[in-house]
Amino acid sequence: MRILSIDSSLGTQLAVVDIDEAAEDASTAETSQTAGRLGAGAPRVLSQAEQADTRRHAESLGQMLSEALSAPDVAERPLDAVVAATGPAPFTGLRAGLVTARVVGRTRGIPVHGVSSLDAVARRALDELGAEGEADPVVLVATDARRREVYAALFRANGPDDVTRLTEIDVCPPAQVAGRLDEVGVVDAVAGSGAALYPELAELASSREVLAPVSGDALTQVRVALARLGRGEELGTQPLYLRHADVQMPAARKRVR
């Protein structure tokens, strides 16, 4: 199975991932929901591209997509699906990634699935915590929402490839995040671009450090999507803007009588 993964929630990330469905690795099948349900091997990145500019998504996506899809290991076989980040994120960048994903899906006749970019950040952070031996940790993900605000939510692992969101995703100033965590209790770690921008958020976690990644992760996004598809979930691509675009169409002029 060949999957194109796109995340434009901060900069732009794009990867073509191969899932070896013929693999019969019993140890992998026992430790991975994805492998256990789909008979798949571990995801393998065939080609990838990334740029960090948070305001050049539309200009960069076309070239990045062309290069990724023309790579020798990719061009030999067609894509089977597209996975795209649904945010939350600033309007223009998120829209560019989702439109690109939908165009690829429509022109190639393949499904397009959506995963929240915060979910991918949480899964990567939980991977790090798992390596350090934490038991069932809770991670606060806070990503930059501009206007001195963050998108924030709490997460816990749901198996080795997925996450469970413990709170609704909120958009608020960093100072208000602490007041909305009282009902959850201890937070083990923080992750995300917002946590990197506002060091005070790290004080909310017992680890007192910001885990990688600061933005979404294209490979992790595929892991989350496959775990959910394996459970029969539908992954819509409706964007999570959480607030209106900065640019608004002008209202019609009132007639003067």
Protein backbone atom coordinates (compact mmCIF):
# COMPACT_ATOMS: atom_id res chain seq x y z
CA MET A 1 0.00 0.00 0.00
CA ARG A 2 1.36 3.42 -1.00
CA ILE A 3 0.14 6.43 0.98
CA LEU A 4 0.84 10.12 0.37
CA SER A 5 0.84 12.08 3.65
CA ILE A 6 0.60 15.89 3.77
CA ASP A 7 0.81 18.20 6.78
CA SER A 8 0.63 21.98 6.31
CA SER A 9 -0.35 22.92 9.85
CA LEU A 10 2.91 24.81 10.53
CA GLY A 11 5.49 24.56 7.76
CA THR A 12 4.92 21.97 5.04
CA GLN A 13 5.69 18.26 5.30
CA LEU A 14 5.05 15.69 2.62
CA ALA A 15 5.95 11.99 2.51
CA VAL A 16 5.17 8.92 0.45
CA VAL A 17 4.93 5.92 2.76
CA ASP A 18 4.92 2.25 1.85
CA ILE A 19 3.06 -0.34 3.95
CA ASP A 20 4.23 -3.88 3.17
CA GLU A 21 0.92 -5.74 3.40
CA ALA A 22 2.55 -9.02 2.42
CA ALA A 23 4.82 -9.00 5.47
CA GLU A 24 4.10 -11.75 7.98
CA ASP A 25 6.21 -10.57 10.90
CA ALA A 26 4.47 -12.14 13.90
CA SER A 27 6.27 -10.00 16.46
CA THR A 28 5.15 -6.83 14.70
CA ALA A 29 1.59 -8.11 14.47
CA GLU A 30 1.50 -8.68 18.22
CA THR A 31 2.73 -5.20 19.09
CA SER A 32 0.91 -3.06 16.54
CA GLN A 33 -2.82 -2.50 16.10
CA THR A 34 -2.20 -1.60 12.48
CA ALA A 35 -0.23 -4.75 11.74
CA GLY A 36 -2.62 -6.94 13.70
CA ARG A 37 -5.69 -5.77 11.80
CA LEU A 38 -4.30 -5.15 8.35
CA GLY A 39 -1.53 -7.74 8.16
CA ALA A 40 0.86 -4.91 7.40
CA GLY A 41 4.55 -4.43 8.02
CA ALA A 42 6.07 -1.30 9.49
CA PRO A 43 5.53 1.93 7.49
CA ARG A 44 8.58 2.85 5.38
CA VAL A 45 9.22 6.33 3.98
CA LEU A 46 10.00 6.17 0.25
CA SER A 47 10.37 9.89 -0.37
CA GLN A 48 9.79 13.05 1.62
CA ALA A 49 10.12 16.81 1.48
CA GLU A 50 9.84 19.56 4.05
CA GLN A 51 10.03 23.34 4.26
CA ALA A 52 9.78 25.41 7.44
CA ASP A 53 8.27 28.67 6.11
CA THR A 54 4.82 29.06 7.69
CA ARG A 55 3.59 31.39 4.91
CA ARG A 56 4.68 29.65 1.71
CA HIS A 57 2.52 26.53 1.64
CA ALA A 58 0.82 27.21 -1.68
CA GLU A 59 4.08 28.17 -3.40
CA SER A 60 5.98 25.13 -2.15
CA LEU A 61 3.47 22.27 -2.24
CA GLY A 62 3.38 21.83 -6.02
CA GLN A 63 7.14 21.49 -6.37
CA MET A 64 7.43 19.28 -3.29
CA LEU A 65 4.66 17.00 -4.54
CA SER A 66 6.23 16.69 -7.98
CA GLU A 67 9.61 15.75 -6.55
CA ALA A 68 8.17 13.27 -4.05
CA LEU A 69 6.00 11.46 -6.61
CA SER A 70 8.77 11.30 -9.23
CA ALA A 71 11.28 9.64 -6.88
CA PRO A 72 12.47 6.27 -8.31
CA ASP A 73 10.98 4.16 -5.51
CA VAL A 74 7.62 5.94 -5.82
CA ALA A 75 7.01 6.31 -9.55
CA GLU A 76 7.02 2.56 -10.16
CA ARG A 77 3.68 1.99 -8.38
CA PRO A 78 0.46 4.04 -8.03
CA LEU A 79 -0.74 5.60 -4.81
CA ASP A 80 -3.51 3.87 -2.86
CA ALA A 81 -4.59 6.67 -0.50
CA VAL A 82 -3.85 10.16 0.79
CA VAL A 83 -3.70 11.23 4.44
CA ALA A 84 -3.88 14.94 5.26
CA ALA A 85 -3.66 17.00 8.44
CA THR A 86 -6.98 18.65 9.33
CA GLY A 87 -5.54 21.08 11.87
CA PRO A 88 -6.33 23.04 13.85
CA ALA A 89 -4.03 25.54 12.18
CA PRO A 90 -4.10 28.97 10.56
CA PHE A 91 -6.55 29.13 7.67
CA THR A 92 -4.39 29.63 4.59
CA GLY A 93 -1.74 26.98 5.22
CA LEU A 94 -4.21 24.34 6.31
CA ARG A 95 -6.41 24.97 3.29
CA ALA A 96 -3.46 24.63 0.90
CA GLY A 97 -2.58 21.18 2.24
CA LEU A 98 -6.16 19.90 2.25
CA VAL A 99 -6.90 21.19 -1.24
CA THR A 100 -3.73 19.53 -2.54
CA ALA A 101 -4.70 16.24 -0.89
CA ARG A 102 -8.23 16.36 -2.31
CA VAL A 103 -6.97 17.17 -5.82
CA VAL A 104 -4.58 14.21 -5.74
CA GLY A 105 -7.34 11.96 -4.44
CA ARG A 106 -9.84 13.05 -7.08
CA THR A 107 -7.48 12.92 -10.06
CA ARG A 108 -6.18 9.47 -9.09
CA GLY A 109 -9.46 8.06 -7.85
CA ILE A 110 -8.16 7.18 -4.39
CA PRO A 111 -9.55 7.90 -0.90
CA VAL A 112 -8.43 10.88 1.17
CA HIS A 113 -8.38 10.55 4.97
CA GLY A 114 -7.96 13.26 7.60
CA VAL A 115 -6.07 13.23 10.91
CA SER A 116 -5.82 16.14 13.35
CA SER A 117 -2.28 17.52 13.39
CA LEU A 118 -2.44 17.70 17.20
CA ASP A 119 -3.07 13.95 17.30
CA ALA A 120 0.12 13.30 15.32
CA VAL A 121 2.16 15.57 17.61
CA ALA A 122 0.74 13.76 20.65
CA ARG A 123 1.57 10.32 19.23
CA ARG A 124 5.20 11.30 18.57
CA ALA A 125 5.53 12.75 22.07
CA LEU A 126 4.06 9.58 23.58
CA ASP A 127 6.56 7.53 21.58
CA GLU A 128 9.35 9.47 23.30
CA LEU A 129 7.81 9.05 26.73
CA GLY A 130 7.34 5.34 26.12
CA ALA A 131 11.03 4.99 25.40
CA GLU A 132 11.72 6.62 28.76
CA GLY A 133 9.51 4.16 30.64
CA GLU A 134 6.63 6.44 31.66
CA ALA A 135 3.44 4.50 32.54
CA ASP A 136 0.30 5.66 30.68
CA PRO A 137 1.46 9.29 30.47
CA VAL A 138 -0.71 12.32 29.71
CA VAL A 139 0.63 14.81 27.15
CA LEU A 140 -0.44 18.40 26.65
CA VAL A 141 -0.12 19.44 23.00
CA ALA A 142 -0.07 23.19 22.36
CA THR A 143 0.53 24.49 18.83
CA ASP A 144 0.91 28.07 17.66
CA ALA A 145 -2.41 29.70 16.76
CA ARG A 146 -0.84 33.15 16.22
CA ARG A 147 -2.35 36.26 17.90
CA ARG A 148 -0.45 35.10 21.03
CA GLU A 149 -2.77 32.12 21.37
CA VAL A 150 -2.36 28.34 21.18
CA TYR A 151 -4.45 25.38 20.11
CA ALA A 152 -4.35 23.01 23.08
CA ALA A 153 -5.64 19.60 24.14
CA LEU A 154 -4.63 16.69 26.38
CA PHE A 155 -3.89 13.20 25.10
CA ARG A 156 -3.20 9.66 26.30
CA ALA A 157 -2.05 6.65 24.25
CA ASN A 158 -4.61 4.40 22.58
CA GLY A 159 -2.45 1.42 21.71
CA PRO A 160 0.98 1.77 20.11
CA ASP A 161 -0.10 3.79 17.05
CA ASP A 162 -3.00 5.99 18.13
CA VAL A 163 -4.06 8.49 20.80
CA THR A 164 -7.16 9.32 22.79
CA ARG A 165 -8.03 12.98 23.19
CA LEU A 166 -8.94 13.69 26.83
CA THR A 167 -10.22 17.24 26.30
CA GLU A 168 -11.75 19.24 23.48
CA ILE A 169 -9.27 21.21 21.38
CA ASP A 170 -9.32 24.81 22.57
CA VAL A 171 -7.86 28.04 21.23
CA CYS A 172 -6.81 30.46 23.97
CA PRO A 173 -3.90 32.49 25.37
CA PRO A 174 -1.18 30.37 27.02
CA ALA A 175 -2.03 31.84 30.43
CA GLN A 176 -5.51 30.31 30.25
CA VAL A 177 -4.34 26.77 29.48
CA ALA A 178 -3.51 25.91 33.10
CA GLY A 179 -7.00 26.80 34.30
CA ARG A 180 -8.56 24.31 31.90
CA LEU A 181 -6.48 21.34 33.04
CA ASP A 182 -7.66 21.11 36.66
CA GLU A 183 -10.06 18.22 36.05
CA VAL A 184 -7.36 16.05 34.45
CA GLY A 185 -4.69 16.12 37.12
CA VAL A 186 -1.01 15.48 36.39
CA VAL A 187 0.40 16.31 32.98
CA ASP A 188 3.57 14.36 32.23
CA ALA A 189 4.89 16.31 29.25
CA VAL A 190 4.14 19.07 26.76
CA ALA A 191 4.72 19.10 23.02
CA GLY A 192 4.11 21.35 20.04
CA SER A 193 5.10 24.66 18.52
CA GLY A 194 3.07 26.62 21.08
CA ALA A 195 4.87 24.93 23.94
CA ALA A 196 8.18 25.86 22.32
CA LEU A 197 7.07 29.49 21.91
CA TYR A 198 5.72 29.88 25.44
CA PRO A 199 8.12 28.27 27.96
CA GLU A 200 5.63 28.79 30.79
CA LEU A 201 3.58 25.91 29.36
CA ALA A 202 6.41 23.50 30.21
CA GLU A 203 5.86 24.38 33.86
CA LEU A 204 2.51 22.61 33.68
CA ALA A 205 4.20 19.24 33.12
CA SER A 206 6.21 17.10 35.48
CA SER A 207 8.98 16.65 32.90
CA ARG A 208 9.51 20.44 32.54
CA GLU A 209 10.61 20.03 28.93
CA VAL A 210 9.09 20.34 25.46
CA LEU A 211 9.14 17.13 23.47
CA ALA A 212 9.53 16.86 19.70
CA PRO A 213 7.95 17.42 17.32
CA VAL A 214 6.86 21.03 17.35
CA SER A 215 4.56 20.42 14.36
CA GLY A 216 2.83 17.46 12.78
CA ASP A 217 4.69 14.46 11.47
CA ALA A 218 3.83 12.89 8.12
CA LEU A 219 4.85 9.33 9.03
CA THR A 220 3.13 9.39 12.42
CA GLN A 221 0.03 10.76 10.70
CA VAL A 222 -0.09 7.58 8.59
CA ARG A 223 0.26 5.37 11.67
CA VAL A 224 -2.67 7.11 13.36
CA ALA A 225 -4.82 6.91 10.22
CA LEU A 226 -4.18 3.20 9.69
CA ALA A 227 -4.93 2.38 13.32
CA ARG A 228 -8.29 4.15 13.05
CA LEU A 229 -9.17 2.72 9.66
CA GLY A 230 -8.35 -0.72 11.07
CA ARG A 231 -11.11 -0.14 13.65
CA GLY A 232 -13.56 0.83 10.92
CA GLU A 233 -13.57 4.55 11.67
CA GLU A 234 -14.28 7.14 8.98
CA LEU A 235 -11.65 9.87 8.77
CA GLY A 236 -13.21 13.00 7.35
CA THR A 237 -11.19 15.85 5.89
CA GLN A 238 -13.23 18.73 7.28
CA PRO A 239 -10.68 21.35 8.43
CA LEU A 240 -10.50 22.37 12.09
CA TYR A 241 -10.13 26.14 11.82
CA LEU A 242 -11.71 26.91 15.26
CA ARG A 243 -11.98 30.57 14.31
CA HIS A 244 -12.72 32.64 11.23
CA ALA A 245 -10.13 33.54 8.61
CA ASP A 246 -8.21 36.80 9.11
CA VAL A 247 -9.33 38.05 5.69
CA GLN A 248 -13.09 38.55 5.30
CA MET A 249 -15.11 39.40 2.21
CA PRO A 250 -16.39 42.98 2.37
CA ALA A 251 -20.05 43.36 3.19
CA ALA A 252 -22.41 44.78 0.57
CA ARG A 253 -22.74 48.55 0.66
CA LYS A 254 -25.94 49.92 2.10
CA ARG A 255 -28.13 51.84 -0.27
CA VAL A 256 -28.53 55.51 0.46
CA ARG A 257 -32.15 56.59 0.16
